[in-house]
C-alpha atoms as a PDB file:
ATOM      1  CA  MET A   1      20.068   6.725   6.001  1.00  0.00           C
ATOM      2  CA  GLU A   2      16.943   8.025   8.479  1.00  0.00           C
ATOM      3  CA  ILE A   3      14.743   9.177   5.766  1.00  0.00           C
ATOM      4  CA  THR A   4      13.047  11.551   8.860  1.00  0.00           C
ATOM      5  CA  ASN A   5      14.180  12.576  11.726  1.00  0.00           C
ATOM      6  CA  LYS A   6      13.184   9.868  14.554  1.00  0.00           C
ATOM      7  CA  GLN A   7      12.169  12.930  16.992  1.00  0.00           C
ATOM      8  CA  ILE A   8      10.136  14.525  14.198  1.00  0.00           C
ATOM      9  CA  ALA A   9       8.752  11.258  13.207  1.00  0.00           C
ATOM     10  CA  ASP A  10       7.493  10.558  16.210  1.00  0.00           C
ATOM     11  CA  TYR A  11       6.141  14.172  16.321  1.00  0.00           C
ATOM     12  CA  CYS A  12       4.801  13.431  13.625  1.00  0.00           C
ATOM     13  CA  GLU A  13       3.057  10.172  14.517  1.00  0.00           C
ATOM     14  CA  SER A  14       1.927  10.911  18.012  1.00  0.00           C
ATOM     15  CA  PHE A  15      -0.943  14.303  16.388  1.00  0.00           C
ATOM     16  CA  THR A  16      -1.748  11.743  13.596  1.00  0.00           C
ATOM     17  CA  SER A  17      -5.101   9.725  14.708  1.00  0.00           C
ATOM     18  CA  GLU A  18      -4.793   6.457  16.363  1.00  0.00           C
ATOM     19  CA  GLU A  19      -5.509   3.604  14.747  1.00  0.00           C
ATOM     20  CA  PRO A  20      -9.139   1.132  15.737  1.00  0.00           C
ATOM     21  CA  GLU A  21      -8.656  -1.336  18.199  1.00  0.00           C
ATOM     22  CA  ILE A  22      -9.013  -4.204  16.031  1.00  0.00           C
ATOM     23  CA  VAL A  23      -5.321  -2.737  13.946  1.00  0.00           C
ATOM     24  CA  ARG A  24      -3.659  -2.008  17.200  1.00  0.00           C
ATOM     25  CA  GLU A  25      -4.569  -5.993  17.678  1.00  0.00           C
ATOM     26  CA  LEU A  26      -3.334  -6.697  14.612  1.00  0.00           C
ATOM     27  CA  ILE A  27      -0.209  -4.345  14.909  1.00  0.00           C
ATOM     28  CA  LYS A  28       0.577  -6.131  18.092  1.00  0.00           C
ATOM     29  CA  ALA A  29       0.683  -9.678  17.086  1.00  0.00           C
ATOM     30  CA  SER A  30       2.695  -9.088  13.809  1.00  0.00           C
ATOM     31  CA  GLU A  31       5.832  -7.540  16.740  1.00  0.00           C
ATOM     32  CA  GLU A  32       5.506 -10.881  18.859  1.00  0.00           C
ATOM     33  CA  ASP A  33       4.900 -13.665  15.727  1.00  0.00           C
ATOM     34  CA  LEU A  34       6.939 -11.750  12.757  1.00  0.00           C
ATOM     35  CA  GLN A  35      11.114 -10.919  11.903  1.00  0.00           C
ATOM     36  CA  PHE A  36       9.739  -7.847   9.752  1.00  0.00           C
ATOM     37  CA  VAL A  37       7.723  -6.228  11.272  1.00  0.00           C
ATOM     38  CA  ASP A  38       9.426  -3.131   9.834  1.00  0.00           C
ATOM     39  CA  MET A  39       7.418  -4.225   6.660  1.00  0.00           C
ATOM     40  CA  LEU A  40       3.919  -2.883   8.215  1.00  0.00           C
ATOM     41  CA  SER A  41       3.355   0.831   6.280  1.00  0.00           C
ATOM     42  CA  GLY A  42       3.152   2.763   9.438  1.00  0.00           C
ATOM     43  CA  ARG A  43       0.447   5.137  11.255  1.00  0.00           C
ATOM     44  CA  GLN A  44       1.359   7.589   9.038  1.00  0.00           C
ATOM     45  CA  VAL A  45       0.952   5.919   5.881  1.00  0.00           C
ATOM     46  CA  ALA A  46      -2.361   3.521   6.729  1.00  0.00           C
ATOM     47  CA  THR A  47      -4.037   6.472   8.240  1.00  0.00           C
ATOM     48  CA  LEU A  48      -3.009   8.197   5.181  1.00  0.00           C
ATOM     49  CA  LEU A  49      -4.487   5.752   2.734  1.00  0.00           C
ATOM     50  CA  LYS A  50      -7.704   5.231   4.425  1.00  0.00           C
ATOM     51  CA  MET A  51      -8.240   9.176   3.693  1.00  0.00           C
ATOM     52  CA  LEU A  52      -7.484   9.114   0.378  1.00  0.00           C
ATOM     53  CA  VAL A  53     -10.341   6.598   0.254  1.00  0.00           C
ATOM     54  CA  LYS A  54     -12.269   8.332   1.927  1.00  0.00           C
ATOM     55  CA  ILE A  55     -11.385  11.970  -0.022  1.00  0.00           C
ATOM     56  CA  SER A  56     -11.699  10.194  -3.737  1.00  0.00           C
ATOM     57  CA  GLY A  57     -14.676   8.206  -2.575  1.00  0.00           C
ATOM     58  CA  ALA A  58     -13.539   5.512  -3.718  1.00  0.00           C
ATOM     59  CA  LYS A  59     -15.579   1.669  -3.830  1.00  0.00           C
ATOM     60  CA  ARG A  60     -13.179  -0.447  -5.645  1.00  0.00           C
ATOM     61  CA  VAL A  61      -9.295  -0.868  -4.124  1.00  0.00           C
ATOM     62  CA  LEU A  62      -7.004  -2.914  -5.082  1.00  0.00           C
ATOM     63  CA  GLU A  63      -3.755  -3.629  -2.634  1.00  0.00           C
ATOM     64  CA  VAL A  64      -0.854  -5.052  -3.585  1.00  0.00           C
ATOM     65  CA  GLY A  65       1.280  -6.943  -0.368  1.00  0.00           C
ATOM     66  CA  THR A  66      -1.039  -7.351   2.396  1.00  0.00           C
ATOM     67  CA  PHE A  67       1.667  -8.376   4.991  1.00  0.00           C
ATOM     68  CA  THR A  68      -0.344  -9.244   7.949  1.00  0.00           C
ATOM     69  CA  GLY A  69      -2.803  -6.609   6.423  1.00  0.00           C
ATOM     70  CA  TYR A  70      -2.312  -3.660   8.756  1.00  0.00           C
ATOM     71  CA  SER A  71      -3.594  -1.154   5.667  1.00  0.00           C
ATOM     72  CA  ALA A  72      -6.016  -3.478   4.263  1.00  0.00           C
ATOM     73  CA  LEU A  73      -8.025  -2.396   6.957  1.00  0.00           C
ATOM     74  CA  MET A  74      -7.484   0.765   7.537  1.00  0.00           C
ATOM     75  CA  MET A  75      -8.753   0.967   3.622  1.00  0.00           C
ATOM     76  CA  ALA A  76     -11.509  -1.029   4.354  1.00  0.00           C
ATOM     77  CA  ILE A  77     -13.389   0.805   7.276  1.00  0.00           C
ATOM     78  CA  GLU A  78     -13.440   3.953   4.627  1.00  0.00           C
ATOM     79  CA  LEU A  79     -14.919   1.898   1.645  1.00  0.00           C
ATOM     80  CA  PRO A  80     -19.447   1.933   1.159  1.00  0.00           C
ATOM     81  CA  GLU A  81     -20.661  -0.687   2.289  1.00  0.00           C
ATOM     82  CA  ASP A  82     -20.908  -1.993  -1.079  1.00  0.00           C
ATOM     83  CA  GLY A  83     -16.636  -1.005  -1.206  1.00  0.00           C
ATOM     84  CA  GLU A  84     -15.433  -3.916  -2.202  1.00  0.00           C
ATOM     85  CA  LEU A  85     -11.118  -4.030  -1.525  1.00  0.00           C
ATOM     86  CA  ILE A  86      -9.356  -7.105  -2.821  1.00  0.00           C
ATOM     87  CA  THR A  87      -5.381  -7.588  -1.723  1.00  0.00           C
ATOM     88  CA  LEU A  88      -2.888 -10.238  -2.752  1.00  0.00           C
ATOM     89  CA  GLU A  89       0.167 -12.054  -0.961  1.00  0.00           C
ATOM     90  CA  MET A  90       1.846 -14.605  -2.231  1.00  0.00           C
ATOM     91  CA  ASN A  91       3.212 -15.382   1.908  1.00  0.00           C
ATOM     92  CA  GLU A  92       0.895 -18.080   3.273  1.00  0.00           C
ATOM     93  CA  ARG A  93       1.828 -17.498   6.452  1.00  0.00           C
ATOM     94  CA  TYR A  94       0.991 -13.642   6.276  1.00  0.00           C
ATOM     95  CA  HIS A  95      -1.788 -14.862   4.776  1.00  0.00           C
ATOM     96  CA  ARG A  96      -3.293 -16.597   7.677  1.00  0.00           C
ATOM     97  CA  ILE A  97      -2.549 -13.873   9.824  1.00  0.00           C
ATOM     98  CA  SER A  98      -4.018 -11.306   7.895  1.00  0.00           C
ATOM     99  CA  ASP A  99      -7.602 -13.736   7.365  1.00  0.00           C
ATOM    100  CA  SER A 100      -7.743 -13.918  11.522  1.00  0.00           C
ATOM    101  CA  PHE A 101      -8.386 -10.495  11.773  1.00  0.00           C
ATOM    102  CA  PHE A 102      -9.964  -9.731   8.902  1.00  0.00           C
ATOM    103  CA  SER A 103     -12.113 -12.098   9.752  1.00  0.00           C
ATOM    104  CA  LYS A 104     -13.198 -10.908  13.138  1.00  0.00           C
ATOM    105  CA  ALA A 105     -13.753  -7.443  11.223  1.00  0.00           C
ATOM    106  CA  PRO A 106     -16.994  -5.755  11.629  1.00  0.00           C
ATOM    107  CA  PHE A 107     -16.468  -4.732   7.824  1.00  0.00           C
ATOM    108  CA  ASN A 108     -15.277  -8.011   7.114  1.00  0.00           C
ATOM    109  CA  LYS A 109     -17.914  -8.829   3.924  1.00  0.00           C
ATOM    110  CA  LYS A 110     -15.744  -6.273   2.139  1.00  0.00           C
ATOM    111  CA  ILE A 111     -12.551  -7.567   1.867  1.00  0.00           C
ATOM    112  CA  ARG A 112     -11.373 -10.701  -0.682  1.00  0.00           C
ATOM    113  CA  GLN A 113      -7.373 -11.717  -0.239  1.00  0.00           C
ATOM    114  CA  ILE A 114      -6.114 -13.622  -2.946  1.00  0.00           C
ATOM    115  CA  THR A 115      -2.757 -15.545  -2.335  1.00  0.00           C
ATOM    116  CA  GLY A 116      -0.118 -16.228  -5.177  1.00  0.00           C
ATOM    117  CA  ASN A 117       1.735 -13.953  -7.632  1.00  0.00           C
ATOM    118  CA  ALA A 118       0.098 -10.910  -8.285  1.00  0.00           C
ATOM    119  CA  LEU A 119       2.201 -10.317 -11.490  1.00  0.00           C
ATOM    120  CA  GLU A 120      -0.084 -13.275 -12.376  1.00  0.00           C
ATOM    121  CA  THR A 121      -3.009 -12.608 -10.611  1.00  0.00           C
ATOM    122  CA  MET A 122      -3.662  -9.114 -11.119  1.00  0.00           C
ATOM    123  CA  PRO A 123      -4.160  -9.285 -15.331  1.00  0.00           C
ATOM    124  CA  LYS A 124      -6.958 -11.669 -13.940  1.00  0.00           C
ATOM    125  CA  LEU A 125      -8.711  -9.046 -12.180  1.00  0.00           C
ATOM    126  CA  ALA A 126     -11.866  -7.688 -13.873  1.00  0.00           C
ATOM    127  CA  GLY A 127     -12.969  -4.413 -14.020  1.00  0.00           C
ATOM    128  CA  SER A 128     -10.951  -1.310 -13.370  1.00  0.00           C
ATOM    129  CA  PHE A 129     -10.368   0.350  -9.431  1.00  0.00           C
ATOM    130  CA  ASP A 130     -10.652   3.829  -7.799  1.00  0.00           C
ATOM    131  CA  LEU A 131      -6.763   3.508  -5.523  1.00  0.00           C
ATOM    132  CA  ILE A 132      -4.616   0.922  -5.949  1.00  0.00           C
ATOM    133  CA  PHE A 133      -2.022   0.429  -3.538  1.00  0.00           C
ATOM    134  CA  LEU A 134       1.596  -0.695  -4.947  1.00  0.00           C
ATOM    135  CA  ASP A 135       3.574  -2.755  -1.231  1.00  0.00           C
ATOM    136  CA  ALA A 136       5.414  -5.584  -2.736  1.00  0.00           C
ATOM    137  CA  ASP A 137       8.120  -7.117  -4.268  1.00  0.00           C
ATOM    138  CA  LYS A 138       9.918  -4.062  -4.725  1.00  0.00           C
ATOM    139  CA  ALA A 139      12.052  -5.707  -8.013  1.00  0.00           C
ATOM    140  CA  GLN A 140       8.871  -5.811  -9.509  1.00  0.00           C
ATOM    141  CA  TYR A 141       7.960  -2.408  -8.873  1.00  0.00           C
ATOM    142  CA  PRO A 142       7.869  -1.310 -12.927  1.00  0.00           C
ATOM    143  CA  GLU A 143       6.030  -4.370 -14.157  1.00  0.00           C
ATOM    144  CA  TYR A 144       4.055  -3.546 -10.879  1.00  0.00           C
ATOM    145  CA  TYR A 145       3.050  -0.123 -11.739  1.00  0.00           C
ATOM    146  CA  LYS A 146       2.378  -0.405 -15.406  1.00  0.00           C
ATOM    147  CA  LEU A 147      -0.286  -3.860 -14.466  1.00  0.00           C
ATOM    148  CA  ALA A 148      -1.769  -0.871 -12.205  1.00  0.00           C
ATOM    149  CA  LYS A 149      -1.745   1.934 -14.295  1.00  0.00           C
ATOM    150  CA  GLN A 150      -3.762  -0.579 -16.732  1.00  0.00           C
ATOM    151  CA  LYS A 151      -6.232  -1.357 -14.068  1.00  0.00           C
ATOM    152  CA  SER A 152      -7.119   1.963 -12.664  1.00  0.00           C
ATOM    153  CA  ARG A 153     -10.207   4.016 -13.893  1.00  0.00           C
ATOM    154  CA  PRO A 154      -9.395   7.526 -15.500  1.00  0.00           C
ATOM    155  CA  GLY A 155      -9.133   9.858 -12.370  1.00  0.00           C
ATOM    156  CA  GLY A 156      -7.693   7.242  -9.998  1.00  0.00           C
ATOM    157  CA  LEU A 157      -5.167   6.924  -8.317  1.00  0.00           C
ATOM    158  CA  ILE A 158      -2.200   4.726  -7.592  1.00  0.00           C
ATOM    159  CA  VAL A 159       0.041   5.217  -4.171  1.00  0.00           C
ATOM    160  CA  LEU A 160       3.634   3.567  -4.436  1.00  0.00           C
ATOM    161  CA  ASP A 161       5.400   2.409  -0.678  1.00  0.00           C
ATOM    162  CA  ASN A 162       8.862   2.700   0.344  1.00  0.00           C
ATOM    163  CA  MET A 163       9.913   4.694  -3.288  1.00  0.00           C
ATOM    164  CA  LEU A 164      13.291   6.003  -1.178  1.00  0.00           C
ATOM    165  CA  TRP A 165      14.219   3.019   0.087  1.00  0.00           C
ATOM    166  CA  ASP A 166      16.229   3.772   2.948  1.00  0.00           C
ATOM    167  CA  GLY A 167      17.903   6.350   0.752  1.00  0.00           C
ATOM    168  CA  GLU A 168      19.077   3.345  -1.365  1.00  0.00           C
ATOM    169  CA  VAL A 169      17.520   5.359  -4.490  1.00  0.00           C
ATOM    170  CA  LEU A 170      20.229   8.163  -3.867  1.00  0.00           C
ATOM    171  CA  ASN A 171      23.319   5.522  -4.987  1.00  0.00           C
ATOM    172  CA  GLY A 172      21.428   2.598  -6.523  1.00  0.00           C
ATOM    173  CA  THR A 173      24.203  -0.539  -4.959  1.00  0.00           C
ATOM    174  CA  ASP A 174      21.592  -2.032  -4.449  1.00  0.00           C
ATOM    175  CA  GLY A 175      19.003  -3.862  -7.298  1.00  0.00           C
ATOM    176  CA  LYS A 176      15.796  -3.214  -5.624  1.00  0.00           C
ATOM    177  CA  ALA A 177      16.630   0.165  -5.288  1.00  0.00           C
ATOM    178  CA  ARG A 178      17.335   0.869  -9.236  1.00  0.00           C
ATOM    179  CA  ALA A 179      14.218  -0.924  -9.662  1.00  0.00           C
ATOM    180  CA  ILE A 180      12.253   1.634  -7.435  1.00  0.00           C
ATOM    181  CA  HIS A 181      14.432   4.417  -9.086  1.00  0.00           C
ATOM    182  CA  ARG A 182      13.186   2.914 -12.525  1.00  0.00           C
ATOM    183  CA  THR A 183      10.037   3.362 -11.395  1.00  0.00           C
ATOM    184  CA  SER A 184      10.066   7.233 -10.788  1.00  0.00           C
ATOM    185  CA  GLU A 185      11.589   7.198 -13.742  1.00  0.00           C
ATOM    186  CA  ILE A 186       8.416   5.891 -15.599  1.00  0.00           C
ATOM    187  CA  ILE A 187       6.417   7.747 -13.664  1.00  0.00           C
ATOM    188  CA  ARG A 188       7.849  10.664 -13.918  1.00  0.00           C
ATOM    189  CA  ASP A 189       7.960  10.384 -17.864  1.00  0.00           C
ATOM    190  CA  ASP A 190       4.557   8.874 -17.891  1.00  0.00           C
ATOM    191  CA  GLU A 191       2.332  11.686 -19.467  1.00  0.00           C
ATOM    192  CA  ASP A 192      -0.920  10.252 -18.477  1.00  0.00           C
ATOM    193  CA  VAL A 193      -0.451  10.980 -15.189  1.00  0.00           C
ATOM    194  CA  GLU A 194       0.540  13.491 -12.437  1.00  0.00           C
ATOM    195  CA  GLN A 195       2.251  12.618  -9.235  1.00  0.00           C
ATOM    196  CA  VAL A 196       3.647  13.777  -6.315  1.00  0.00           C
ATOM    197  CA  MET A 197       6.121  11.920  -3.862  1.00  0.00           C
ATOM    198  CA  LEU A 198       6.574  12.591   0.284  1.00  0.00           C
ATOM    199  CA  PRO A 199       9.702  12.098   2.450  1.00  0.00           C
ATOM    200  CA  VAL A 200       6.824  10.114   4.300  1.00  0.00           C
ATOM    201  CA  LYS A 201       7.974   7.472   6.648  1.00  0.00           C
ATOM    202  CA  ASP A 202      10.286   5.848   3.204  1.00  0.00           C
ATOM    203  CA  GLY A 203       9.066   7.613   1.050  1.00  0.00           C
ATOM    204  CA  LEU A 204       5.128   7.569  -0.787  1.00  0.00           C
ATOM    205  CA  THR A 205       4.274   8.696  -4.358  1.00  0.00           C
ATOM    206  CA  ILE A 206       0.731   9.379  -5.027  1.00  0.00           C
ATOM    207  CA  VAL A 207      -0.278   9.053  -8.568  1.00  0.00           C
ATOM    208  CA  ARG A 208      -3.321  10.272 -10.339  1.00  0.00           C
ATOM    209  CA  VAL A 209      -4.362   9.182 -13.625  1.00  0.00           C
ATOM    210  CA  LYS A 210      -5.697  11.772 -15.795  1.00  0.00           C
ATOM    211  CA  ASP A 211      -9.267  11.898 -16.911  1.00  0.00           C
END
């Protein structure tokens, strides 16, 4: 199921700011080398994340699910000089690809990449985060959200990608769709947060932890 008519989606993207050169190079490399290029966040999502970092004044960002580093690069651009982005990825091949681009970025000192299972890594991270972006194994979204909330500062943002899962959340026949739907229920019933779900690309939920 197309969440947004393709012509409308293309129209919206054509009026969205273009990515920096290093990010365009990463997109090209991902398309040439990998099978699952649809796992890239996409211009609208990545640019929205970049703007959220800027608008919120975030200094510390956590990303769960690096893939090849598209969204991480976009968010890191807007971090202050003393800012930090930690990105978690369990696939070593994706780690190598993203690292090759992170190392070339003029702001590479802001990015720290960790390879491993995020459910094991997240509890070990010290301190809290201003913005957390979840884009990893959808079957684990309920657990990721709970950990992300624990790691968020009061007033912090949690952004979850693929929250419509190609429309499969409507019928619940897919295991990952059921996990995503359950996550949406958990967020809806959580009195500690306020949230909005947007039909951007494959669905994006933005959560704000109340002060």
